């Protein structure tokens, strides 16, 4: 392979590796955010469970607060938790896929380096 071709392939592979690493970081950030949301929902649910049903409860809606029943708030929290859990599962699958792609690109880079070293090494010994 010519030096220009090797350089183009090298740049493409390293660019792919950087994109995969960036995507993995974004996925990890999204997973952390959803896990934090689940923890906050769990704490909120625990606090609401400890309250008497006669106490008025309010839910934030933009810039205002709307009074809701205890059961309605708990249902909303359960839905938020299940949505976040589902999203985390999807993100974990995506993370595995991107990790496999990263491993493949890293293997390609190692192969390219070995190939370049072996061709330059055999050229020097001739």
N, C-alpha and C. Protein backbone atom coordinates (compact mmCIF):
# COMPACT_ATOMS: atom_id res chain seq x y z
N UNK A 1 0.84 -1.18 0.00
CA UNK A 1 0.00 0.00 0.00
C UNK A 1 0.88 1.24 0.00
N UNK A 2 0.44 2.27 -0.71
CA UNK A 2 1.22 3.51 -0.74
C UNK A 2 1.07 4.25 0.58
N UNK A 3 2.01 5.14 0.81
CA UNK A 3 1.99 5.91 2.06
C UNK A 3 0.73 6.76 2.18
N UNK A 4 0.27 7.31 1.05
CA UNK A 4 -0.94 8.13 1.08
C UNK A 4 -2.15 7.29 1.47
N UNK A 5 -2.27 6.10 0.91
CA UNK A 5 -3.39 5.21 1.22
C UNK A 5 -3.36 4.81 2.69
N UNK A 6 -2.18 4.45 3.18
CA UNK A 6 -2.03 4.06 4.58
C UNK A 6 -2.41 5.23 5.49
N UNK A 7 -1.98 6.43 5.12
CA UNK A 7 -2.29 7.60 5.93
C UNK A 7 -3.79 7.88 5.94
N UNK A 8 -4.45 7.72 4.80
CA UNK A 8 -5.89 7.94 4.73
C UNK A 8 -6.64 6.92 5.57
N UNK A 9 -6.23 5.66 5.48
CA UNK A 9 -6.86 4.61 6.27
C UNK A 9 -6.62 4.87 7.75
N UNK A 10 -5.41 5.25 8.10
CA UNK A 10 -5.08 5.55 9.50
C UNK A 10 -5.96 6.67 10.03
N UNK A 11 -6.09 7.75 9.27
CA UNK A 11 -6.91 8.87 9.70
C UNK A 11 -8.37 8.47 9.86
N UNK A 12 -8.87 7.66 8.93
CA UNK A 12 -10.27 7.22 8.99
C UNK A 12 -10.50 6.35 10.23
N UNK A 13 -9.60 5.43 10.49
CA UNK A 13 -9.75 4.53 11.63
C UNK A 13 -9.65 5.30 12.95
N UNK A 14 -8.69 6.21 13.05
CA UNK A 14 -8.56 6.98 14.29
C UNK A 14 -9.76 7.90 14.48
N UNK A 15 -10.30 8.42 13.39
CA UNK A 15 -11.51 9.24 13.48
C UNK A 15 -12.68 8.41 13.99
N UNK A 16 -12.82 7.18 13.49
CA UNK A 16 -13.88 6.28 13.96
C UNK A 16 -13.71 5.98 15.45
N UNK A 17 -12.49 5.73 15.86
CA UNK A 17 -12.22 5.43 17.27
C UNK A 17 -12.63 6.62 18.14
N UNK A 18 -12.29 7.82 17.72
CA UNK A 18 -12.66 9.01 18.49
C UNK A 18 -14.17 9.17 18.56
N UNK A 19 -14.86 8.93 17.45
CA UNK A 19 -16.32 9.03 17.44
C UNK A 19 -16.96 8.00 18.36
N UNK A 20 -16.43 6.78 18.34
CA UNK A 20 -16.97 5.74 19.22
C UNK A 20 -16.74 6.08 20.68
N UNK A 21 -15.55 6.60 20.99
CA UNK A 21 -15.26 6.97 22.38
C UNK A 21 -16.17 8.12 22.83
N UNK A 22 -16.39 9.08 21.96
CA UNK A 22 -17.28 10.19 22.28
C UNK A 22 -18.70 9.68 22.51
N UNK A 23 -19.15 8.77 21.65
CA UNK A 23 -20.49 8.22 21.80
C UNK A 23 -20.63 7.43 23.09
N UNK A 24 -19.59 6.66 23.44
CA UNK A 24 -19.62 5.91 24.70
C UNK A 24 -19.71 6.86 25.90
N UNK A 25 -18.98 7.97 25.85
CA UNK A 25 -19.04 8.95 26.94
C UNK A 25 -20.44 9.55 27.05
N UNK A 26 -21.06 9.83 25.90
CA UNK A 26 -22.41 10.38 25.92
C UNK A 26 -23.41 9.36 26.49
N UNK A 27 -23.26 8.12 26.09
CA UNK A 27 -24.15 7.07 26.59
C UNK A 27 -23.99 6.92 28.10
N UNK A 28 -22.74 6.92 28.57
CA UNK A 28 -22.50 6.83 30.02
C UNK A 28 -23.13 8.00 30.76
N UNK A 29 -23.05 9.20 30.18
CA UNK A 29 -23.66 10.37 30.82
C UNK A 29 -25.18 10.23 30.87
N UNK A 30 -25.77 9.71 29.81
CA UNK A 30 -27.22 9.52 29.79
C UNK A 30 -27.65 8.46 30.80
N UNK A 31 -26.87 7.40 30.90
CA UNK A 31 -27.18 6.34 31.87
C UNK A 31 -27.09 6.91 33.29
N UNK A 32 -26.05 7.67 33.57
CA UNK A 32 -25.90 8.27 34.90
C UNK A 32 -27.05 9.22 35.21
N UNK A 33 -27.44 10.00 34.23
CA UNK A 33 -28.55 10.94 34.42
C UNK A 33 -29.85 10.19 34.74
N UNK A 34 -30.12 9.13 34.02
CA UNK A 34 -31.34 8.36 34.27
C UNK A 34 -31.28 7.63 35.62
N UNK A 35 -30.11 7.15 35.99
CA UNK A 35 -29.98 6.51 37.30
C UNK A 35 -30.21 7.53 38.42
N UNK A 36 -29.73 8.75 38.22
CA UNK A 36 -29.95 9.81 39.20
C UNK A 36 -31.45 10.13 39.28
N UNK A 37 -32.11 10.17 38.12
CA UNK A 37 -33.56 10.42 38.11
C UNK A 37 -34.31 9.33 38.87
N UNK A 38 -33.88 8.09 38.72
CA UNK A 38 -34.52 6.98 39.43
C UNK A 38 -34.33 7.13 40.94
N UNK A 39 -33.11 7.49 41.35
CA UNK A 39 -32.85 7.69 42.78
C UNK A 39 -33.70 8.83 43.35
N UNK A 40 -33.79 9.93 42.60
CA UNK A 40 -34.60 11.06 43.07
C UNK A 40 -36.07 10.67 43.15
N UNK A 41 -36.54 9.92 42.16
CA UNK A 41 -37.94 9.48 42.18
C UNK A 41 -38.19 8.56 43.37
N UNK A 42 -37.23 7.71 43.67
CA UNK A 42 -37.36 6.80 44.80
C UNK A 42 -37.43 7.57 46.12
N UNK A 43 -36.57 8.57 46.26
CA UNK A 43 -36.59 9.39 47.48
C UNK A 43 -37.90 10.17 47.59
N UNK A 44 -38.36 10.73 46.48
CA UNK A 44 -39.61 11.47 46.49
C UNK A 44 -40.77 10.56 46.85
N UNK A 45 -40.77 9.36 46.28
CA UNK A 45 -41.85 8.41 46.57
C UNK A 45 -41.86 8.04 48.05
N UNK A 46 -40.67 7.83 48.60
CA UNK A 46 -40.58 7.47 50.01
C UNK A 46 -41.13 8.60 50.89
N UNK A 47 -40.81 9.85 50.53
CA UNK A 47 -41.31 10.99 51.30
C UNK A 47 -42.83 11.11 51.17
N UNK A 48 -43.36 10.91 49.97
CA UNK A 48 -44.81 11.02 49.76
C UNK A 48 -45.54 9.90 50.47
N UNK A 49 -44.97 8.70 50.47
CA UNK A 49 -45.60 7.57 51.16
C UNK A 49 -45.77 7.84 52.65
N UNK A 50 -44.85 8.62 53.21
CA UNK A 50 -44.91 8.91 54.64
C UNK A 50 -45.94 9.98 55.00
N UNK A 51 -46.53 10.62 54.00
CA UNK A 51 -47.49 11.68 54.27
C UNK A 51 -48.91 11.13 54.36
N UNK A 52 -49.73 11.83 55.13
CA UNK A 52 -51.14 11.48 55.26
C UNK A 52 -51.87 11.86 53.98
N UNK A 53 -52.88 11.10 53.63
CA UNK A 53 -53.64 11.36 52.40
C UNK A 53 -54.40 12.68 52.43
N UNK A 54 -54.64 13.23 53.62
CA UNK A 54 -55.39 14.48 53.72
C UNK A 54 -54.53 15.71 53.42
N UNK A 55 -53.23 15.54 53.38
CA UNK A 55 -52.32 16.66 53.13
C UNK A 55 -52.34 16.98 51.63
N UNK A 56 -52.54 18.25 51.28
CA UNK A 56 -52.55 18.60 49.84
C UNK A 56 -51.14 18.49 49.25
N UNK A 57 -51.05 17.89 48.09
CA UNK A 57 -49.77 17.72 47.40
C UNK A 57 -49.82 18.45 46.07
N UNK A 58 -48.67 18.98 45.66
CA UNK A 58 -48.61 19.77 44.45
C UNK A 58 -47.51 19.24 43.52
N UNK A 59 -47.81 19.35 42.23
CA UNK A 59 -46.84 18.93 41.22
C UNK A 59 -46.45 20.15 40.40
N UNK A 60 -45.17 20.29 40.14
CA UNK A 60 -44.67 21.41 39.34
C UNK A 60 -45.03 21.20 37.87
N UNK A 61 -45.60 22.23 37.26
CA UNK A 61 -45.93 22.21 35.84
C UNK A 61 -45.45 23.52 35.24
N UNK A 62 -44.25 23.51 34.73
CA UNK A 62 -43.69 24.75 34.20
C UNK A 62 -43.43 25.74 35.31
N UNK A 63 -44.11 26.89 35.26
CA UNK A 63 -43.92 27.93 36.27
C UNK A 63 -45.00 27.91 37.34
N UNK A 64 -45.86 26.91 37.29
CA UNK A 64 -46.93 26.87 38.28
C UNK A 64 -46.97 25.51 38.96
N UNK A 65 -47.77 25.41 40.00
CA UNK A 65 -47.95 24.16 40.73
C UNK A 65 -49.42 23.77 40.67
N UNK A 66 -49.64 22.48 40.43
CA UNK A 66 -51.00 21.97 40.32
C UNK A 66 -51.22 20.96 41.46
N UNK A 67 -52.34 21.11 42.14
CA UNK A 67 -52.65 20.19 43.23
C UNK A 67 -53.08 18.85 42.63
N UNK A 68 -52.50 17.78 43.19
CA UNK A 68 -52.84 16.43 42.73
C UNK A 68 -53.01 15.52 43.94
N UNK A 69 -53.69 14.42 43.69
CA UNK A 69 -53.88 13.45 44.77
C UNK A 69 -52.59 12.65 44.97
N UNK A 70 -52.51 12.08 46.14
CA UNK A 70 -51.33 11.28 46.49
C UNK A 70 -51.16 10.12 45.51
N UNK A 71 -52.26 9.43 45.20
CA UNK A 71 -52.17 8.28 44.29
C UNK A 71 -51.74 8.70 42.89
N UNK A 72 -52.22 9.84 42.43
CA UNK A 72 -51.84 10.34 41.11
C UNK A 72 -50.35 10.67 41.05
N UNK A 73 -49.85 11.30 42.08
CA UNK A 73 -48.41 11.61 42.14
C UNK A 73 -47.58 10.34 42.17
N UNK A 74 -48.01 9.36 42.96
CA UNK A 74 -47.27 8.10 43.06
C UNK A 74 -47.27 7.35 41.72
N UNK A 75 -48.40 7.39 41.01
CA UNK A 75 -48.47 6.76 39.70
C UNK A 75 -47.51 7.43 38.72
N UNK A 76 -47.47 8.76 38.78
CA UNK A 76 -46.55 9.50 37.91
C UNK A 76 -45.10 9.16 38.20
N UNK A 77 -44.77 9.04 39.47
CA UNK A 77 -43.40 8.69 39.86
C UNK A 77 -43.07 7.29 39.39
N UNK A 78 -44.02 6.34 39.54
CA UNK A 78 -43.78 4.97 39.08
C UNK A 78 -43.56 4.94 37.57
N UNK A 79 -44.33 5.74 36.84
CA UNK A 79 -44.18 5.78 35.38
C UNK A 79 -42.82 6.37 35.00
N UNK A 80 -42.41 7.44 35.67
CA UNK A 80 -41.10 8.04 35.40
C UNK A 80 -39.98 7.03 35.67
N UNK A 81 -40.12 6.29 36.76
CA UNK A 81 -39.11 5.29 37.11
C UNK A 81 -39.05 4.18 36.06
N UNK A 82 -40.22 3.69 35.64
CA UNK A 82 -40.21 2.60 34.65
C UNK A 82 -39.70 3.10 33.30
N UNK A 83 -40.04 4.34 32.93
CA UNK A 83 -39.51 4.91 31.67
C UNK A 83 -37.99 5.03 31.72
N UNK A 84 -37.47 5.51 32.84
CA UNK A 84 -36.03 5.67 32.99
C UNK A 84 -35.33 4.31 32.97
N UNK A 85 -35.94 3.31 33.60
CA UNK A 85 -35.37 1.96 33.61
C UNK A 85 -35.33 1.38 32.20
N UNK A 86 -36.40 1.57 31.45
CA UNK A 86 -36.46 1.09 30.07
C UNK A 86 -35.40 1.78 29.23
N UNK A 87 -35.25 3.08 29.43
CA UNK A 87 -34.24 3.83 28.68
C UNK A 87 -32.83 3.38 29.04
N UNK A 88 -32.59 3.10 30.30
CA UNK A 88 -31.27 2.60 30.71
C UNK A 88 -30.97 1.27 30.04
N UNK A 89 -31.95 0.38 29.98
CA UNK A 89 -31.75 -0.91 29.32
C UNK A 89 -31.41 -0.73 27.85
N UNK A 90 -32.11 0.18 27.17
CA UNK A 90 -31.82 0.46 25.76
C UNK A 90 -30.42 1.06 25.59
N UNK A 91 -30.05 1.94 26.50
CA UNK A 91 -28.73 2.56 26.44
C UNK A 91 -27.62 1.54 26.70
N UNK A 92 -27.88 0.58 27.58
CA UNK A 92 -26.89 -0.48 27.84
C UNK A 92 -26.67 -1.32 26.59
N UNK A 93 -27.74 -1.63 25.86
CA UNK A 93 -27.62 -2.38 24.61
C UNK A 93 -26.82 -1.57 23.58
N UNK A 94 -27.14 -0.29 23.50
CA UNK A 94 -26.43 0.58 22.56
C UNK A 94 -24.95 0.68 22.95
N UNK A 95 -24.69 0.72 24.25
CA UNK A 95 -23.32 0.80 24.73
C UNK A 95 -22.52 -0.45 24.33
N UNK A 96 -23.15 -1.62 24.43
CA UNK A 96 -22.48 -2.86 24.02
C UNK A 96 -22.16 -2.82 22.53
N UNK A 97 -23.11 -2.34 21.73
CA UNK A 97 -22.92 -2.26 20.29
C UNK A 97 -21.76 -1.32 19.95
N UNK A 98 -21.76 -0.13 20.56
CA UNK A 98 -20.70 0.84 20.29
C UNK A 98 -19.36 0.32 20.81
N UNK A 99 -19.36 -0.38 21.93
CA UNK A 99 -18.12 -0.95 22.47
C UNK A 99 -17.54 -1.97 21.50
N UNK A 100 -18.42 -2.81 20.92
CA UNK A 100 -17.94 -3.78 19.93
C UNK A 100 -17.35 -3.06 18.72
N UNK A 101 -18.01 -2.00 18.28
CA UNK A 101 -17.47 -1.23 17.15
C UNK A 101 -16.12 -0.61 17.50
N UNK A 102 -15.99 -0.12 18.72
CA UNK A 102 -14.73 0.47 19.17
C UNK A 102 -13.63 -0.59 19.20
N UNK A 103 -13.96 -1.76 19.71
CA UNK A 103 -12.97 -2.84 19.75
C UNK A 103 -12.54 -3.23 18.33
N UNK A 104 -13.51 -3.28 17.41
CA UNK A 104 -13.19 -3.60 16.02
C UNK A 104 -12.30 -2.55 15.38
N UNK A 105 -12.61 -1.29 15.61
CA UNK A 105 -11.80 -0.20 15.05
C UNK A 105 -10.40 -0.21 15.66
N UNK A 106 -10.32 -0.49 16.96
CA UNK A 106 -9.01 -0.56 17.62
C UNK A 106 -8.19 -1.73 17.04
N UNK A 107 -8.86 -2.86 16.80
CA UNK A 107 -8.18 -4.00 16.17
C UNK A 107 -7.71 -3.66 14.78
N UNK A 108 -8.54 -2.93 14.03
CA UNK A 108 -8.13 -2.51 12.68
C UNK A 108 -6.91 -1.61 12.74
N UNK A 109 -6.87 -0.72 13.71
CA UNK A 109 -5.72 0.17 13.86
C UNK A 109 -4.46 -0.62 14.20
N UNK A 110 -4.59 -1.59 15.09
CA UNK A 110 -3.43 -2.43 15.43
C UNK A 110 -2.96 -3.21 14.22
N UNK A 111 -3.91 -3.76 13.44
CA UNK A 111 -3.53 -4.49 12.23
C UNK A 111 -2.82 -3.58 11.24
N UNK A 112 -3.32 -2.36 11.08
CA UNK A 112 -2.71 -1.40 10.16
C UNK A 112 -1.29 -1.07 10.60
N UNK A 113 -1.11 -0.88 11.91
CA UNK A 113 0.23 -0.57 12.42
C UNK A 113 1.17 -1.75 12.21
N UNK A 114 0.68 -2.97 12.50
CA UNK A 114 1.52 -4.17 12.27
C UNK A 114 1.88 -4.31 10.80
N UNK A 115 0.90 -4.09 9.93
CA UNK A 115 1.14 -4.22 8.50
C UNK A 115 2.16 -3.18 8.04
N UNK A 116 2.04 -1.97 8.53
CA UNK A 116 2.96 -0.90 8.16
C UNK A 116 4.36 -1.22 8.66
N UNK A 117 4.46 -1.72 9.89
CA UNK A 117 5.76 -2.06 10.45
C UNK A 117 6.40 -3.23 9.71
N UNK A 118 5.58 -4.21 9.34
CA UNK A 118 6.15 -5.38 8.65
C UNK A 118 6.59 -5.02 7.24
N UNK A 119 5.87 -4.16 6.55
CA UNK A 119 6.29 -3.76 5.20
C UNK A 119 7.50 -2.84 5.26
N UNK A 120 7.57 -1.98 6.26
CA UNK A 120 8.75 -1.12 6.37
C UNK A 120 9.96 -1.91 6.86
N UNK A 121 9.69 -2.92 7.67
CA UNK A 121 10.78 -3.77 8.17
C UNK A 121 11.33 -4.65 7.07
N UNK A 122 10.48 -5.21 6.21
CA UNK A 122 10.94 -6.08 5.12
C UNK A 122 11.61 -5.25 4.03
N UNK A 123 11.17 -4.00 3.87
CA UNK A 123 11.80 -3.12 2.88
C UNK A 123 13.19 -2.73 3.32
N UNK A 124 13.41 -2.58 4.60
CA UNK A 124 14.73 -2.18 5.12
C UNK A 124 15.71 -3.32 5.07
N UNK A 125 15.23 -4.57 5.14
CA UNK A 125 16.14 -5.71 5.16
C UNK A 125 16.54 -6.13 3.77
N UNK A 126 15.90 -5.64 2.74
CA UNK A 126 16.24 -6.02 1.36
C UNK A 126 17.46 -5.33 0.87
